[in-house]
Amino acid sequence: MEESVVQDVQKQEGHQPSSDQFGNRSFTKEEASDALRAFADQRDSTTEKMIFQSDFELRDQFTIHFKLLNKLKEDVLNELKQEMLDFVRKRLQNSSIQVSSEVTAEETKAKPRTEQEKFEAMAKKNPALKDLKERLGLDLVY
């Protein structure tokens, strides 16, 4: 009884519900992405914008999981995690939303440096180059 009276008074006074009162409204990955983009638009730092506009996975229906390329981005995410969670929870009307992250190593391909490595890389893309080199009797070493 007291609880319903308090809720009626809050509605009349125009109080916004706290994050605990948002409930668990379901949402799609697109809605979560829109909420994260809106949060990123409020940020000044390019790094912060890159983190929150990057792709993520939606795990366990309520967990937003980021795969970050380095530890610096994970540190920035951890600094802003609570502020971002408050924003996204309010926007999506779901107090159960959680955030997780992991640092994944970015695969880098070594660029060809020698003339032989450059030729092999080009021949891999276009095998006809190897045939042309043999027909013309060309040598890559000067």
Protein backbone atom coordinates (compact mmCIF):
# COMPACT_ATOMS: atom_id res chain seq x y z
CA MET A 1 0.00 0.00 0.00
CA GLU A 2 2.74 2.46 0.98
CA GLU A 3 4.68 1.60 -2.16
CA SER A 4 1.77 2.46 -4.47
CA VAL A 5 1.26 5.76 -2.62
CA VAL A 6 4.95 6.62 -3.06
CA GLN A 7 4.77 5.78 -6.78
CA ASP A 8 1.63 7.91 -7.21
CA VAL A 9 3.33 10.85 -5.45
CA GLN A 10 6.44 10.44 -7.62
CA LYS A 11 4.34 10.44 -10.80
CA GLN A 12 2.53 13.59 -9.71
CA GLU A 13 5.80 15.35 -8.83
CA GLY A 14 7.39 14.29 -12.14
CA HIS A 15 10.19 12.14 -10.67
CA GLN A 16 12.19 10.06 -13.11
CA PRO A 17 12.51 6.39 -12.19
CA SER A 18 15.89 5.28 -10.87
CA SER A 19 17.92 2.72 -12.80
CA ASP A 20 16.58 -0.04 -10.52
CA GLN A 21 13.05 0.77 -11.68
CA PHE A 22 13.73 0.50 -15.43
CA GLY A 23 12.93 -3.17 -15.44
CA ASN A 24 14.31 -5.55 -17.99
CA ARG A 25 12.88 -4.43 -21.30
CA SER A 26 14.36 -6.55 -24.07
CA PHE A 27 16.36 -4.82 -26.78
CA THR A 28 18.08 -5.64 -30.05
CA LYS A 29 21.73 -5.28 -30.98
CA GLU A 30 20.75 -2.36 -33.23
CA GLU A 31 19.08 -0.54 -30.32
CA ALA A 32 22.15 -1.12 -28.17
CA SER A 33 24.37 0.11 -31.00
CA ASP A 34 22.26 3.28 -31.35
CA ALA A 35 22.50 3.91 -27.60
CA LEU A 36 26.28 3.45 -27.66
CA ARG A 37 26.60 5.77 -30.66
CA ALA A 38 24.55 8.40 -28.82
CA PHE A 39 26.87 8.07 -25.83
CA ALA A 40 29.93 8.31 -28.11
CA ASP A 41 28.56 11.49 -29.70
CA GLN A 42 28.72 13.14 -26.26
CA ARG A 43 32.42 12.35 -25.88
CA ASP A 44 35.23 14.69 -26.93
CA SER A 45 38.05 12.15 -27.17
CA THR A 46 38.54 10.35 -30.47
CA THR A 47 39.66 7.22 -28.63
CA GLU A 48 36.48 7.19 -26.56
CA LYS A 49 34.35 7.63 -29.67
CA MET A 50 36.19 4.78 -31.42
CA ILE A 51 35.57 2.42 -28.50
CA PHE A 52 31.85 3.06 -28.21
CA GLN A 53 31.24 3.13 -31.96
CA SER A 54 33.12 -0.12 -32.55
CA ASP A 55 31.45 -3.45 -33.10
CA PHE A 56 30.44 -5.54 -30.10
CA GLU A 57 28.74 -8.81 -29.27
CA LEU A 58 25.49 -9.13 -27.36
CA ARG A 59 26.02 -12.01 -24.93
CA ASP A 60 23.52 -13.56 -22.53
CA GLN A 61 20.88 -11.15 -23.86
CA PHE A 62 22.00 -8.34 -21.50
CA THR A 63 25.83 -8.27 -21.73
CA ILE A 64 27.55 -5.95 -24.18
CA HIS A 65 30.98 -7.45 -24.94
CA PHE A 66 33.72 -5.36 -26.58
CA LYS A 67 36.78 -6.86 -28.28
CA LEU A 68 39.47 -4.20 -28.02
CA LEU A 69 42.78 -4.08 -29.84
CA ASN A 70 44.94 -2.88 -26.97
CA LYS A 71 45.17 -2.37 -23.22
CA LEU A 72 44.86 1.43 -23.51
CA LYS A 73 41.37 1.14 -24.99
CA GLU A 74 40.38 -1.30 -22.26
CA ASP A 75 41.62 1.16 -19.59
CA VAL A 76 39.57 3.96 -21.17
CA LEU A 77 36.51 1.71 -21.29
CA ASN A 78 36.93 0.79 -17.63
CA GLU A 79 37.18 4.48 -16.66
CA LEU A 80 33.93 5.31 -18.45
CA LYS A 81 32.12 2.03 -17.83
CA GLN A 82 29.75 3.23 -15.10
CA GLU A 83 28.85 6.46 -16.87
CA MET A 84 28.23 4.56 -20.10
CA LEU A 85 26.20 1.87 -18.31
CA ASP A 86 23.97 4.49 -16.65
CA PHE A 87 23.35 6.15 -20.03
CA VAL A 88 22.65 2.90 -21.92
CA ARG A 89 20.49 1.43 -19.15
CA LYS A 90 18.34 4.56 -19.09
CA ARG A 91 18.14 4.77 -22.87
CA LEU A 92 17.20 1.09 -23.28
CA GLN A 93 15.09 0.98 -20.11
CA ASN A 94 16.91 -2.07 -18.77
CA SER A 95 18.75 -2.15 -15.46
CA SER A 96 20.27 -5.58 -16.10
CA ILE A 97 22.68 -4.47 -18.83
CA GLN A 98 26.33 -5.35 -18.15
CA VAL A 99 29.55 -4.61 -20.02
CA SER A 100 32.54 -6.87 -20.53
CA SER A 101 35.67 -6.57 -22.61
CA GLU A 102 38.73 -8.44 -23.72
CA VAL A 103 41.94 -7.41 -25.41
CA THR A 104 42.54 -9.27 -28.64
CA ALA A 105 45.86 -9.20 -30.43
CA GLU A 106 45.65 -7.61 -33.83
CA GLU A 107 47.15 -9.76 -36.54
CA THR A 108 49.68 -7.85 -38.54
CA LYS A 109 51.13 -9.10 -41.75
CA ALA A 110 54.76 -8.36 -42.39
CA LYS A 111 55.20 -6.19 -45.44
CA PRO A 112 57.53 -7.54 -48.10
CA ARG A 113 60.89 -5.77 -47.93
CA THR A 114 63.22 -7.36 -50.46
CA GLU A 115 62.64 -7.44 -54.19
CA GLN A 116 62.14 -11.21 -54.04
CA GLU A 117 59.50 -10.88 -51.26
CA LYS A 118 57.71 -8.13 -53.18
CA PHE A 119 57.63 -10.23 -56.34
CA GLU A 120 56.35 -13.28 -54.46
CA ALA A 121 53.58 -11.20 -52.86
CA MET A 122 52.53 -9.85 -56.28
CA ALA A 123 52.77 -13.31 -57.87
CA LYS A 124 50.54 -14.68 -55.14
CA LYS A 125 47.85 -12.17 -56.16
CA ASN A 126 48.47 -12.70 -59.88
CA PRO A 127 50.11 -16.04 -60.77
CA ALA A 128 50.56 -14.91 -64.39
CA LEU A 129 53.48 -12.73 -63.23
CA LYS A 130 55.55 -15.80 -62.38
CA ASP A 131 54.87 -17.25 -65.83
CA LEU A 132 55.78 -13.93 -67.48
CA LYS A 133 59.03 -13.70 -65.51
CA GLU A 134 60.03 -17.20 -66.64
CA ARG A 135 59.10 -16.60 -70.29
CA LEU A 136 61.11 -13.39 -70.43
CA GLY A 137 63.99 -14.90 -68.46
CA LEU A 138 64.04 -12.07 -65.96
CA ASP A 139 66.15 -12.11 -62.80
CA LEU A 140 65.16 -10.15 -59.70
CA VAL A 141 68.69 -9.89 -58.29
CA TYR A 142 70.73 -7.04 -59.75
